[in-house]
Amino acid sequence: MRKVVVEPGDSRVHDEDEWRGAIVLLERGRIELVCSDGDQRTFLRGDVLWLDGLPVRALRNPGPEPAVLIAISRRPARH
């Protein structure tokens, strides 16, 4: 489990490896996903996201409070 905080007015470049295989809960705040075609989608506290394999360019926080994302993923298999 990882916590990612995006401060108000800030954005974060989407790194697919960071979100690979993770279910993401927006625990607090609001987040906009900016897609590679310029389209945007807004998500609010309590929404569950899957960011793996999507054409997302950036995550942006347009709100007045920090956006807190909780990413839950499996641990890598040990060999």
PDB file of N, CA and C in Angstrom:
ATOM      1  N   MET A   1       0.852  -1.171   0.000  1.00  0.00           N
ATOM      2  CA  MET A   1       0.000   0.000   0.000  1.00  0.00           C
ATOM      3  C   MET A   1       0.901   1.237   0.000  1.00  0.00           C
ATOM      4  N   ARG A   2       0.558   2.196  -0.859  1.00  0.00           N
ATOM      5  CA  ARG A   2       1.299   3.460  -0.946  1.00  0.00           C
ATOM      6  C   ARG A   2       0.327   4.619  -0.885  1.00  0.00           C
ATOM      7  N   LYS A   3       0.787   5.712  -0.320  1.00  0.00           N
ATOM      8  CA  LYS A   3      -0.001   6.944  -0.275  1.00  0.00           C
ATOM      9  C   LYS A   3       0.682   7.956  -1.170  1.00  0.00           C
ATOM     10  N   VAL A   4      -0.098   8.587  -2.052  1.00  0.00           N
ATOM     11  CA  VAL A   4       0.408   9.627  -2.945  1.00  0.00           C
ATOM     12  C   VAL A   4      -0.430  10.879  -2.695  1.00  0.00           C
ATOM     13  N   VAL A   5       0.242  11.980  -2.422  1.00  0.00           N
ATOM     14  CA  VAL A   5      -0.442  13.249  -2.151  1.00  0.00           C
ATOM     15  C   VAL A   5      -0.134  14.220  -3.283  1.00  0.00           C
ATOM     16  N   VAL A   6      -1.193  14.830  -3.821  1.00  0.00           N
ATOM     17  CA  VAL A   6      -1.053  15.868  -4.832  1.00  0.00           C
ATOM     18  C   VAL A   6      -1.619  17.148  -4.206  1.00  0.00           C
ATOM     19  N   GLU A   7      -0.755  18.117  -4.004  1.00  0.00           N
ATOM     20  CA  GLU A   7      -1.148  19.364  -3.334  1.00  0.00           C
ATOM     21  C   GLU A   7      -2.088  20.188  -4.220  1.00  0.00           C
ATOM     22  N   PRO A   8      -2.881  21.078  -3.612  1.00  0.00           N
ATOM     23  CA  PRO A   8      -3.798  21.919  -4.382  1.00  0.00           C
ATOM     24  C   PRO A   8      -3.066  22.692  -5.479  1.00  0.00           C
ATOM     25  N   GLY A   9      -3.611  22.641  -6.680  1.00  0.00           N
ATOM     26  CA  GLY A   9      -3.032  23.356  -7.813  1.00  0.00           C
ATOM     27  C   GLY A   9      -1.872  22.643  -8.482  1.00  0.00           C
ATOM     28  N   ASP A  10      -1.391  21.560  -7.884  1.00  0.00           N
ATOM     29  CA  ASP A  10      -0.259  20.830  -8.457  1.00  0.00           C
ATOM     30  C   ASP A  10      -0.736  19.744  -9.414  1.00  0.00           C
ATOM     31  N   SER A  11       0.193  19.310 -10.254  1.00  0.00           N
ATOM     32  CA  SER A  11      -0.080  18.162 -11.119  1.00  0.00           C
ATOM     33  C   SER A  11       1.120  17.232 -11.054  1.00  0.00           C
ATOM     34  N   ARG A  12       0.899  16.021 -11.488  1.00  0.00           N
ATOM     35  CA  ARG A  12       1.914  14.978 -11.412  1.00  0.00           C
ATOM     36  C   ARG A  12       1.893  14.238 -12.740  1.00  0.00           C
ATOM     37  N   VAL A  13       3.042  14.149 -13.389  1.00  0.00           N
ATOM     38  CA  VAL A  13       3.138  13.421 -14.656  1.00  0.00           C
ATOM     39  C   VAL A  13       2.817  11.957 -14.389  1.00  0.00           C
ATOM     40  N   HIS A  14       2.001  11.377 -15.249  1.00  0.00           N
ATOM     41  CA  HIS A  14       1.613   9.976 -15.089  1.00  0.00           C
ATOM     42  C   HIS A  14       2.768   9.059 -15.475  1.00  0.00           C
ATOM     43  N   ASP A  15       3.162   8.207 -14.553  1.00  0.00           N
ATOM     44  CA  ASP A  15       4.186   7.192 -14.791  1.00  0.00           C
ATOM     45  C   ASP A  15       3.490   5.847 -14.650  1.00  0.00           C
ATOM     46  N   GLU A  16       3.271   5.183 -15.770  1.00  0.00           N
ATOM     47  CA  GLU A  16       2.499   3.935 -15.750  1.00  0.00           C
ATOM     48  C   GLU A  16       3.096   2.893 -14.816  1.00  0.00           C
ATOM     49  N   ASP A  17       4.416   2.833 -14.717  1.00  0.00           N
ATOM     50  CA  ASP A  17       5.050   1.848 -13.825  1.00  0.00           C
ATOM     51  C   ASP A  17       4.662   2.070 -12.366  1.00  0.00           C
ATOM     52  N   GLU A  18       4.425   3.315 -11.999  1.00  0.00           N
ATOM     53  CA  GLU A  18       4.055   3.638 -10.617  1.00  0.00           C
ATOM     54  C   GLU A  18       2.695   3.035 -10.238  1.00  0.00           C
ATOM     55  N   TRP A  19       1.815   2.898 -11.216  1.00  0.00           N
ATOM     56  CA  TRP A  19       0.444   2.449 -10.947  1.00  0.00           C
ATOM     57  C   TRP A  19       0.160   1.035 -11.449  1.00  0.00           C
ATOM     58  N   ARG A  20       1.155   0.374 -12.011  1.00  0.00           N
ATOM     59  CA  ARG A  20       0.947  -0.953 -12.613  1.00  0.00           C
ATOM     60  C   ARG A  20       0.352  -1.937 -11.597  1.00  0.00           C
ATOM     61  N   GLY A  21      -0.803  -2.489 -11.949  1.00  0.00           N
ATOM     62  CA  GLY A  21      -1.453  -3.501 -11.128  1.00  0.00           C
ATOM     63  C   GLY A  21      -2.078  -2.998  -9.839  1.00  0.00           C
ATOM     64  N   ALA A  22      -2.186  -1.695  -9.664  1.00  0.00           N
ATOM     65  CA  ALA A  22      -2.712  -1.143  -8.407  1.00  0.00           C
ATOM     66  C   ALA A  22      -4.161  -0.689  -8.554  1.00  0.00           C
ATOM     67  N   ILE A  23      -4.924  -0.959  -7.532  1.00  0.00           N
ATOM     68  CA  ILE A  23      -6.251  -0.368  -7.382  1.00  0.00           C
ATOM     69  C   ILE A  23      -6.025   0.905  -6.567  1.00  0.00           C
ATOM     70  N   VAL A  24      -6.621   2.009  -7.017  1.00  0.00           N
ATOM     71  CA  VAL A  24      -6.343   3.303  -6.394  1.00  0.00           C
ATOM     72  C   VAL A  24      -7.631   3.876  -5.818  1.00  0.00           C
ATOM     73  N   LEU A  25      -7.586   4.217  -4.545  1.00  0.00           N
ATOM     74  CA  LEU A  25      -8.712   4.847  -3.864  1.00  0.00           C
ATOM     75  C   LEU A  25      -8.384   6.319  -3.669  1.00  0.00           C
ATOM     76  N   LEU A  26      -9.297   7.188  -4.076  1.00  0.00           N
ATOM     77  CA  LEU A  26      -9.134   8.617  -3.805  1.00  0.00           C
ATOM     78  C   LEU A  26      -9.707   8.854  -2.412  1.00  0.00           C
ATOM     79  N   GLU A  27      -8.806   8.888  -1.446  1.00  0.00           N
ATOM     80  CA  GLU A  27      -9.189   8.963  -0.036  1.00  0.00           C
ATOM     81  C   GLU A  27      -9.668  10.357   0.371  1.00  0.00           C
ATOM     82  N   ARG A  28      -9.098  11.382  -0.281  1.00  0.00           N
ATOM     83  CA  ARG A  28      -9.428  12.756   0.097  1.00  0.00           C
ATOM     84  C   ARG A  28      -9.238  13.661  -1.104  1.00  0.00           C
ATOM     85  N   GLY A  29     -10.092  14.666  -1.226  1.00  0.00           N
ATOM     86  CA  GLY A  29      -9.921  15.684  -2.253  1.00  0.00           C
ATOM     87  C   GLY A  29     -10.539  15.329  -3.592  1.00  0.00           C
ATOM     88  N   ARG A  30      -9.973  15.952  -4.614  1.00  0.00           N
ATOM     89  CA  ARG A  30     -10.474  15.814  -5.988  1.00  0.00           C
ATOM     90  C   ARG A  30      -9.269  15.695  -6.909  1.00  0.00           C
ATOM     91  N   ILE A  31      -9.396  14.899  -7.956  1.00  0.00           N
ATOM     92  CA  ILE A  31      -8.297  14.725  -8.901  1.00  0.00           C
ATOM     93  C   ILE A  31      -8.850  14.737 -10.320  1.00  0.00           C
ATOM     94  N   GLU A  32      -8.132  15.346 -11.231  1.00  0.00           N
ATOM     95  CA  GLU A  32      -8.468  15.301 -12.653  1.00  0.00           C
ATOM     96  C   GLU A  32      -7.431  14.453 -13.358  1.00  0.00           C
ATOM     97  N   LEU A  33      -7.891  13.526 -14.168  1.00  0.00           N
ATOM     98  CA  LEU A  33      -6.993  12.778 -15.038  1.00  0.00           C
ATOM     99  C   LEU A  33      -6.975  13.497 -16.373  1.00  0.00           C
ATOM    100  N   VAL A  34      -5.798  13.880 -16.822  1.00  0.00           N
ATOM    101  CA  VAL A  34      -5.641  14.536 -18.116  1.00  0.00           C
ATOM    102  C   VAL A  34      -5.125  13.476 -19.083  1.00  0.00           C
ATOM    103  N   CYS A  35      -5.928  13.180 -20.102  1.00  0.00           N
ATOM    104  CA  CYS A  35      -5.585  12.124 -21.056  1.00  0.00           C
ATOM    105  C   CYS A  35      -4.692  12.662 -22.170  1.00  0.00           C
ATOM    106  N   SER A  36      -4.047  11.750 -22.859  1.00  0.00           N
ATOM    107  CA  SER A  36      -3.114  12.144 -23.921  1.00  0.00           C
ATOM    108  C   SER A  36      -3.802  12.894 -25.060  1.00  0.00           C
ATOM    109  N   ASP A  37      -5.120  12.718 -25.237  1.00  0.00           N
ATOM    110  CA  ASP A  37      -5.845  13.444 -26.282  1.00  0.00           C
ATOM    111  C   ASP A  37      -6.388  14.782 -25.783  1.00  0.00           C
ATOM    112  N   GLY A  38      -6.043  15.154 -24.513  1.00  0.00           N
ATOM    113  CA  GLY A  38      -6.485  16.426 -23.943  1.00  0.00           C
ATOM    114  C   GLY A  38      -7.779  16.326 -23.159  1.00  0.00           C
ATOM    115  N   ASP A  39      -8.489  15.216 -23.281  1.00  0.00           N
ATOM    116  CA  ASP A  39      -9.728  15.013 -22.528  1.00  0.00           C
ATOM    117  C   ASP A  39      -9.406  14.946 -21.039  1.00  0.00           C
ATOM    118  N   GLN A  40     -10.354  15.358 -20.197  1.00  0.00           N
ATOM    119  CA  GLN A  40     -10.166  15.330 -18.746  1.00  0.00           C
ATOM    120  C   GLN A  40     -11.350  14.662 -18.084  1.00  0.00           C
ATOM    121  N   ARG A  41     -11.066  13.952 -17.011  1.00  0.00           N
ATOM    122  CA  ARG A  41     -12.104  13.321 -16.201  1.00  0.00           C
ATOM    123  C   ARG A  41     -11.828  13.661 -14.747  1.00  0.00           C
ATOM    124  N   THR A  42     -12.874  14.037 -14.019  1.00  0.00           N
ATOM    125  CA  THR A  42     -12.730  14.426 -12.615  1.00  0.00           C
ATOM    126  C   THR A  42     -13.246  13.315 -11.713  1.00  0.00           C
ATOM    127  N   PHE A  43     -12.496  13.062 -10.635  1.00  0.00           N
ATOM    128  CA  PHE A  43     -12.869  12.060  -9.652  1.00  0.00           C
ATOM    129  C   PHE A  43     -12.856  12.694  -8.272  1.00  0.00           C
ATOM    130  N   LEU A  44     -13.749  12.206  -7.401  1.00  0.00           N
ATOM    131  CA  LEU A  44     -13.932  12.777  -6.070  1.00  0.00           C
ATOM    132  C   LEU A  44     -13.636  11.748  -4.992  1.00  0.00           C
ATOM    133  N   ARG A  45     -13.543  12.244  -3.766  1.00  0.00           N
ATOM    134  CA  ARG A  45     -13.278  11.391  -2.601  1.00  0.00           C
ATOM    135  C   ARG A  45     -14.187  10.157  -2.623  1.00  0.00           C
ATOM    136  N   GLY A  46     -13.575   9.003  -2.413  1.00  0.00           N
ATOM    137  CA  GLY A  46     -14.323   7.751  -2.385  1.00  0.00           C
ATOM    138  C   GLY A  46     -14.310   6.996  -3.702  1.00  0.00           C
ATOM    139  N   ASP A  47     -13.914   7.652  -4.782  1.00  0.00           N
ATOM    140  CA  ASP A  47     -13.863   6.970  -6.086  1.00  0.00           C
ATOM    141  C   ASP A  47     -12.696   5.991  -6.118  1.00  0.00           C
ATOM    142  N   VAL A  48     -12.900   4.896  -6.852  1.00  0.00           N
ATOM    143  CA  VAL A  48     -11.868   3.877  -7.028  1.00  0.00           C
ATOM    144  C   VAL A  48     -11.428   3.914  -8.489  1.00  0.00           C
ATOM    145  N   LEU A  49     -10.109   3.937  -8.715  1.00  0.00           N
ATOM    146  CA  LEU A  49      -9.552   4.092 -10.064  1.00  0.00           C
ATOM    147  C   LEU A  49      -8.639   2.929 -10.412  1.00  0.00           C
ATOM    148  N   TRP A  50      -8.507   2.702 -11.707  1.00  0.00           N
ATOM    149  CA  TRP A  50      -7.526   1.768 -12.262  1.00  0.00           C
ATOM    150  C   TRP A  50      -6.760   2.579 -13.297  1.00  0.00           C
ATOM    151  N   LEU A  51      -5.490   2.874 -13.052  1.00  0.00           N
ATOM    152  CA  LEU A  51      -4.712   3.750 -13.928  1.00  0.00           C
ATOM    153  C   LEU A  51      -3.769   2.985 -14.843  1.00  0.00           C
ATOM    154  N   ASP A  52      -3.707   1.696 -14.706  1.00  0.00           N
ATOM    155  CA  ASP A  52      -2.811   0.848 -15.479  1.00  0.00           C
ATOM    156  C   ASP A  52      -3.339   0.691 -16.907  1.00  0.00           C
ATOM    157  N   GLY A  53      -2.514   1.042 -17.894  1.00  0.00           N
ATOM    158  CA  GLY A  53      -2.886   0.841 -19.291  1.00  0.00           C
ATOM    159  C   GLY A  53      -3.777   1.911 -19.890  1.00  0.00           C
ATOM    160  N   LEU A  54      -4.025   2.976 -19.178  1.00  0.00           N
ATOM    161  CA  LEU A  54      -4.864   4.059 -19.701  1.00  0.00           C
ATOM    162  C   LEU A  54      -4.000   5.143 -20.337  1.00  0.00           C
ATOM    163  N   PRO A  55      -4.537   5.880 -21.318  1.00  0.00           N
ATOM    164  CA  PRO A  55      -3.764   6.946 -21.974  1.00  0.00           C
ATOM    165  C   PRO A  55      -3.764   8.239 -21.149  1.00  0.00           C
ATOM    166  N   VAL A  56      -3.284   8.154 -19.914  1.00  0.00           N
ATOM    167  CA  VAL A  56      -3.268   9.305 -19.010  1.00  0.00           C
ATOM    168  C   VAL A  56      -1.921  10.013 -19.117  1.00  0.00           C
ATOM    169  N   ARG A  57      -1.963  11.326 -19.241  1.00  0.00           N
ATOM    170  CA  ARG A  57      -0.751  12.136 -19.317  1.00  0.00           C
ATOM    171  C   ARG A  57      -0.366  12.694 -17.941  1.00  0.00           C
ATOM    172  N   ALA A  58      -1.379  13.098 -17.154  1.00  0.00           N
ATOM    173  CA  ALA A  58      -1.087  13.715 -15.856  1.00  0.00           C
ATOM    174  C   ALA A  58      -2.268  13.563 -14.909  1.00  0.00           C
ATOM    175  N   LEU A  59      -1.969  13.670 -13.616  1.00  0.00           N
ATOM    176  CA  LEU A  59      -2.977  13.749 -12.570  1.00  0.00           C
ATOM    177  C   LEU A  59      -2.882  15.160 -12.006  1.00  0.00           C
ATOM    178  N   ARG A  60      -4.007  15.846 -11.928  1.00  0.00           N
ATOM    179  CA  ARG A  60      -3.995  17.247 -11.491  1.00  0.00           C
ATOM    180  C   ARG A  60      -4.996  17.429 -10.355  1.00  0.00           C
ATOM    181  N   ASN A  61      -4.620  18.242  -9.380  1.00  0.00           N
ATOM    182  CA  ASN A  61      -5.515  18.552  -8.273  1.00  0.00           C
ATOM    183  C   ASN A  61      -6.039  19.976  -8.438  1.00  0.00           C
ATOM    184  N   PRO A  62      -7.294  20.126  -8.900  1.00  0.00           N
ATOM    185  CA  PRO A  62      -7.859  21.462  -9.075  1.00  0.00           C
ATOM    186  C   PRO A  62      -8.532  21.995  -7.808  1.00  0.00           C
ATOM    187  N   GLY A  63      -8.550  21.187  -6.751  1.00  0.00           N
ATOM    188  CA  GLY A  63      -9.291  21.553  -5.547  1.00  0.00           C
ATOM    189  C   GLY A  63      -8.508  22.384  -4.554  1.00  0.00           C
ATOM    190  N   PRO A  64      -9.184  22.795  -3.471  1.00  0.00           N
ATOM    191  CA  PRO A  64      -8.564  23.646  -2.448  1.00  0.00           C
ATOM    192  C   PRO A  64      -7.826  22.873  -1.358  1.00  0.00           C
ATOM    193  N   GLU A  65      -7.896  21.537  -1.381  1.00  0.00           N
ATOM    194  CA  GLU A  65      -7.236  20.731  -0.360  1.00  0.00           C
ATOM    195  C   GLU A  65      -6.360  19.662  -1.028  1.00  0.00           C
ATOM    196  N   PRO A  66      -5.403  19.098  -0.294  1.00  0.00           N
ATOM    197  CA  PRO A  66      -4.587  18.033  -0.886  1.00  0.00           C
ATOM    198  C   PRO A  66      -5.452  16.853  -1.318  1.00  0.00           C
ATOM    199  N   ALA A  67      -5.098  16.271  -2.448  1.00  0.00           N
ATOM    200  CA  ALA A  67      -5.741  15.039  -2.908  1.00  0.00           C
ATOM    201  C   ALA A  67      -4.857  13.887  -2.436  1.00  0.00           C
ATOM    202  N   VAL A  68      -5.468  12.914  -1.776  1.00  0.00           N
ATOM    203  CA  VAL A  68      -4.722  11.779  -1.238  1.00  0.00           C
ATOM    204  C   VAL A  68      -5.210  10.517  -1.943  1.00  0.00           C
ATOM    205  N   LEU A  69      -4.281   9.871  -2.632  1.00  0.00           N
ATOM    206  CA  LEU A  69      -4.569   8.620  -3.338  1.00  0.00           C
ATOM    207  C   LEU A  69      -3.881   7.477  -2.599  1.00  0.00           C
ATOM    208  N   ILE A  70      -4.617   6.398  -2.392  1.00  0.00           N
ATOM    209  CA  ILE A  70      -4.069   5.198  -1.771  1.00  0.00           C
ATOM    210  C   ILE A  70      -4.012   4.127  -2.859  1.00  0.00           C
ATOM    211  N   ALA A  71      -2.797   3.665  -3.172  1.00  0.00           N
ATOM    212  CA  ALA A  71      -2.593   2.635  -4.202  1.00  0.00           C
ATOM    213  C   ALA A  71      -2.335   1.302  -3.512  1.00  0.00           C
ATOM    214  N   ILE A  72      -3.133   0.314  -3.843  1.00  0.00           N
ATOM    215  CA  ILE A  72      -3.008  -1.020  -3.248  1.00  0.00           C
ATOM    216  C   ILE A  72      -2.671  -1.998  -4.359  1.00  0.00           C
ATOM    217  N   SER A  73      -1.569  -2.714  -4.176  1.00  0.00           N
ATOM    218  CA  SER A  73      -1.169  -3.692  -5.191  1.00  0.00           C
ATOM    219  C   SER A  73      -0.544  -4.905  -4.514  1.00  0.00           C
ATOM    220  N   ARG A  74      -0.438  -5.973  -5.286  1.00  0.00           N
ATOM    221  CA  ARG A  74       0.186  -7.185  -4.781  1.00  0.00           C
ATOM    222  C   ARG A  74       1.695  -6.989  -4.722  1.00  0.00           C
ATOM    223  N   ARG A  75       2.314  -7.712  -3.843  1.00  0.00           N
ATOM    224  CA  ARG A  75       3.776  -7.705  -3.793  1.00  0.00           C
ATOM    225  C   ARG A  75       4.284  -8.554  -4.945  1.00  0.00           C
ATOM    226  N   PRO A  76       5.447  -8.202  -5.496  1.00  0.00           N
ATOM    227  CA  PRO A  76       6.012  -9.025  -6.567  1.00  0.00           C
ATOM    228  C   PRO A  76       6.283 -10.450  -6.066  1.00  0.00           C
ATOM    229  N   ALA A  77       6.075 -11.418  -6.932  1.00  0.00           N
ATOM    230  CA  ALA A  77       6.334 -12.813  -6.573  1.00  0.00           C
ATOM    231  C   ALA A  77       7.821 -13.027  -6.340  1.00  0.00           C
ATOM    232  N   ARG A  78       8.144 -13.818  -5.353  1.00  0.00           N
ATOM    233  CA  ARG A  78       9.555 -14.139  -5.068  1.00  0.00           C
ATOM    234  C   ARG A  78       9.932 -15.375  -5.849  1.00  0.00           C
ATOM    235  N   HIS A  79      11.109 -15.375  -6.404  1.00  0.00           N
ATOM    236  CA  HIS A  79      11.590 -16.520  -7.183  1.00  0.00           C
ATOM    237  C   HIS A  79      12.804 -17.124  -6.549  1.00  0.00           C
TER     238      HIS A  79
END
